[in-house]
Amino acid sequence: MESVNLHDLGMFIESEIYIIQSEMSNLVSKHSSQNNHLKLNEEIEDDLSEELDLIYEGNFEKGILVIYEASHLEPDLREFLFNILGAVKCSLKDVALSSAESIEEVTVQKIEELAPNKIIVFGKLNHPIFHLKQVNYEIRNEDGVEYLFADDLRSISMNIDLKKSLWAKLQVLFEVSR
């Protein structure tokens, strides 16, 4: 049965309508509950329709997305990352550098719209992209995009074996000769 409010009833009832004082609070709470529910649904729909764009540093000239685990890069890790990029003939103008925090706020579709040809992930990520990871330091090609997952930058910077593993795969990914 369809719910009818007092205004709707007033359209076809010609006599006056009286509300009993004791029932007033029930009507008001029911009416405000319905309005709040409708407003909440509208807010959820608005939130879903407003997809966030990916926030990143760099000019993305070579179509390389670099994701690091953290909300920001500490100066020493930033320098370490730029040394890594420099070793494969890349700089900030060539990549889109984004934090895991920023990536986690966007949909896969937003990343696909960016159209990277390489995605390098340092550390863990709570995003569907991370489901593509099988093991660290393995290059995986998925729909024309090459993925490389590695440990977080802090761990790599402090461990020579991890540095060697990363360098070996970066040479393959960027076709760098020794």
Protein backbone atom coordinates (compact mmCIF):
# COMPACT_ATOMS: atom_id res chain seq x y z
CA MET A 1 0.00 0.00 0.00
CA GLU A 2 1.30 3.44 -0.90
CA SER A 3 2.07 5.87 1.90
CA VAL A 4 0.01 9.06 1.73
CA ASN A 5 0.90 12.21 3.66
CA LEU A 6 -1.43 14.91 5.00
CA HIS A 7 -0.87 17.17 2.01
CA ASP A 8 -1.89 14.42 -0.40
CA LEU A 9 -5.00 13.67 1.68
CA GLY A 10 -5.92 17.35 1.65
CA MET A 11 -6.19 17.24 -2.14
CA PHE A 12 -9.33 15.13 -2.14
CA ILE A 13 -10.80 15.40 1.37
CA GLU A 14 -13.04 18.42 1.65
CA SER A 15 -13.54 18.46 5.41
CA GLU A 16 -10.96 19.67 7.91
CA ILE A 17 -8.39 17.26 9.26
CA TYR A 18 -7.64 17.23 12.98
CA ILE A 19 -4.53 15.77 14.52
CA ILE A 20 -4.74 14.40 18.04
CA GLN A 21 -1.98 15.87 20.21
CA SER A 22 -0.81 12.48 21.49
CA GLU A 23 -0.30 11.24 17.90
CA MET A 24 1.54 14.37 16.78
CA SER A 25 4.96 13.16 17.91
CA ASN A 26 4.53 9.85 16.05
CA LEU A 27 3.62 11.68 12.82
CA VAL A 28 6.50 14.15 13.13
CA SER A 29 9.10 11.47 13.91
CA LYS A 30 7.84 9.25 11.08
CA HIS A 31 7.86 12.17 8.64
CA SER A 32 11.34 13.38 9.66
CA SER A 33 12.66 9.80 9.53
CA GLN A 34 11.42 9.44 5.94
CA ASN A 35 12.92 12.82 4.97
CA ASN A 36 16.27 11.97 6.61
CA HIS A 37 16.31 8.62 4.79
CA LEU A 38 15.64 10.36 1.47
CA LYS A 39 18.33 12.97 2.14
CA LEU A 40 20.83 10.27 3.09
CA ASN A 41 20.10 8.36 -0.14
CA GLU A 42 20.55 11.57 -2.15
CA GLU A 43 23.89 12.26 -0.42
CA ILE A 44 25.12 8.74 -1.12
CA GLU A 45 24.11 9.05 -4.79
CA ASP A 46 25.93 12.40 -5.01
CA ASP A 47 29.06 10.89 -3.45
CA LEU A 48 29.01 7.98 -5.88
CA SER A 49 28.54 10.24 -8.88
CA GLU A 50 31.50 12.43 -7.88
CA GLU A 51 34.49 10.18 -8.54
CA LEU A 52 37.76 11.66 -7.44
CA ASP A 53 40.60 12.28 -9.87
CA LEU A 54 44.01 10.82 -9.12
CA ILE A 55 46.35 13.24 -7.37
CA TYR A 56 49.97 12.93 -8.47
CA GLU A 57 53.20 14.81 -8.96
CA GLY A 58 54.96 14.95 -12.30
CA ASN A 59 54.07 15.43 -15.95
CA PHE A 60 53.54 11.77 -16.87
CA GLU A 61 55.29 12.26 -20.24
CA LYS A 62 56.41 8.62 -20.53
CA GLY A 63 53.18 7.12 -19.16
CA ILE A 64 54.75 5.65 -16.01
CA LEU A 65 52.74 5.56 -12.79
CA VAL A 66 54.87 5.19 -9.65
CA ILE A 67 53.04 4.42 -6.42
CA TYR A 68 54.72 4.49 -3.01
CA GLU A 69 53.41 3.20 0.32
CA ALA A 70 52.87 6.21 2.56
CA SER A 71 50.94 9.45 2.58
CA HIS A 72 54.07 11.38 1.62
CA LEU A 73 57.72 10.70 0.83
CA GLU A 74 60.30 11.57 3.43
CA PRO A 75 63.22 13.56 1.97
CA ASP A 76 65.70 10.65 2.12
CA LEU A 77 63.26 8.24 0.42
CA ARG A 78 62.36 10.88 -2.16
CA GLU A 79 66.04 11.24 -3.03
CA PHE A 80 66.41 7.45 -3.16
CA LEU A 81 63.39 7.15 -5.50
CA PHE A 82 64.69 9.88 -7.80
CA ASN A 83 68.05 8.09 -7.95
CA ILE A 84 66.20 4.92 -8.99
CA LEU A 85 64.27 6.83 -11.65
CA GLY A 86 67.46 8.52 -12.85
CA ALA A 87 69.14 5.14 -13.28
CA VAL A 88 66.44 4.20 -15.83
CA LYS A 89 66.62 7.60 -17.55
CA CYS A 90 63.44 8.99 -15.99
CA SER A 91 62.66 12.03 -13.90
CA LEU A 92 59.59 13.60 -12.36
CA LYS A 93 58.56 15.01 -15.74
CA ASP A 94 58.29 11.45 -17.10
CA VAL A 95 56.18 9.87 -14.35
CA ALA A 96 53.03 10.32 -12.31
CA LEU A 97 54.21 9.92 -8.71
CA SER A 98 51.39 9.11 -6.33
CA SER A 99 50.99 7.93 -2.76
CA ALA A 100 49.12 4.75 -1.90
CA GLU A 101 46.73 6.98 0.04
CA SER A 102 45.83 8.89 -3.14
CA ILE A 103 45.49 5.73 -5.22
CA GLU A 104 43.21 4.13 -2.65
CA GLU A 105 40.73 7.00 -3.09
CA VAL A 106 40.20 6.48 -6.82
CA THR A 107 38.58 3.78 -8.89
CA VAL A 108 40.40 1.47 -11.28
CA GLN A 109 38.56 3.30 -14.07
CA LYS A 110 40.24 6.60 -13.10
CA ILE A 111 43.64 4.94 -13.33
CA GLU A 112 42.71 3.39 -16.68
CA GLU A 113 41.67 6.86 -17.92
CA LEU A 114 45.18 8.05 -17.09
CA ALA A 115 46.35 5.24 -19.43
CA PRO A 116 49.75 4.34 -17.96
CA ASN A 117 51.90 1.86 -19.87
CA LYS A 118 53.94 0.96 -16.77
CA ILE A 119 52.90 0.88 -13.12
CA ILE A 120 55.50 0.43 -10.39
CA VAL A 121 54.22 -0.16 -6.87
CA PHE A 122 56.56 0.22 -3.88
CA GLY A 123 55.04 -1.38 -0.80
CA LYS A 124 51.49 -2.41 0.01
CA LEU A 125 48.35 -0.96 -1.46
CA ASN A 126 44.69 -1.36 -0.54
CA HIS A 127 43.33 -1.17 -4.09
CA PRO A 128 42.21 -3.64 -6.78
CA ILE A 129 45.53 -3.03 -8.60
CA PHE A 130 47.27 -4.84 -5.76
CA HIS A 131 45.30 -8.01 -6.57
CA LEU A 132 47.43 -8.31 -9.71
CA LYS A 133 50.51 -8.87 -7.57
CA GLN A 134 51.74 -12.44 -7.47
CA VAL A 135 55.24 -11.95 -6.06
CA ASN A 136 57.57 -9.00 -5.65
CA TYR A 137 60.07 -8.25 -8.39
CA GLU A 138 58.11 -9.97 -11.17
CA ILE A 139 57.01 -8.01 -14.21
CA ARG A 140 53.44 -8.74 -15.15
CA ASN A 141 51.71 -7.61 -18.32
CA GLU A 142 47.97 -7.10 -17.94
CA ASP A 143 45.96 -5.59 -20.82
CA GLY A 144 49.01 -3.87 -22.26
CA VAL A 145 50.16 -2.39 -18.95
CA GLU A 146 53.39 -3.64 -17.39
CA TYR A 147 53.27 -3.97 -13.60
CA LEU A 148 56.19 -4.26 -11.23
CA PHE A 149 55.55 -4.76 -7.52
CA ALA A 150 58.39 -4.24 -5.05
CA ASP A 151 58.97 -3.86 -1.34
CA ASP A 152 58.48 -0.46 0.25
CA LEU A 153 61.15 2.14 -0.44
CA ARG A 154 62.48 2.15 3.14
CA SER A 155 63.11 -1.62 3.06
CA ILE A 156 64.78 -1.44 -0.35
CA SER A 157 66.99 1.48 0.66
CA MET A 158 68.31 -0.50 3.63
CA ASN A 159 68.81 -3.90 1.98
CA ILE A 160 71.38 -4.59 -0.75
CA ASP A 161 69.69 -7.82 -1.90
CA LEU A 162 66.39 -5.97 -2.43
CA LYS A 163 68.24 -3.23 -4.33
CA LYS A 164 69.77 -5.88 -6.61
CA SER A 165 66.39 -7.54 -7.19
CA LEU A 166 64.79 -4.21 -8.03
CA TRP A 167 67.61 -3.15 -10.33
CA ALA A 168 67.52 -6.45 -12.23
CA LYS A 169 63.79 -6.05 -12.97
CA LEU A 170 64.03 -2.33 -13.75
CA GLN A 171 66.68 -3.12 -16.36
CA VAL A 172 64.24 -5.50 -18.04
CA LEU A 173 61.23 -3.19 -17.65
CA PHE A 174 63.06 -0.17 -19.08
CA GLU A 175 65.30 -2.09 -21.46
CA VAL A 176 68.45 -0.73 -19.84
CA SER A 177 71.69 -2.46 -20.78
CA ARG A 178 74.27 -3.14 -18.10
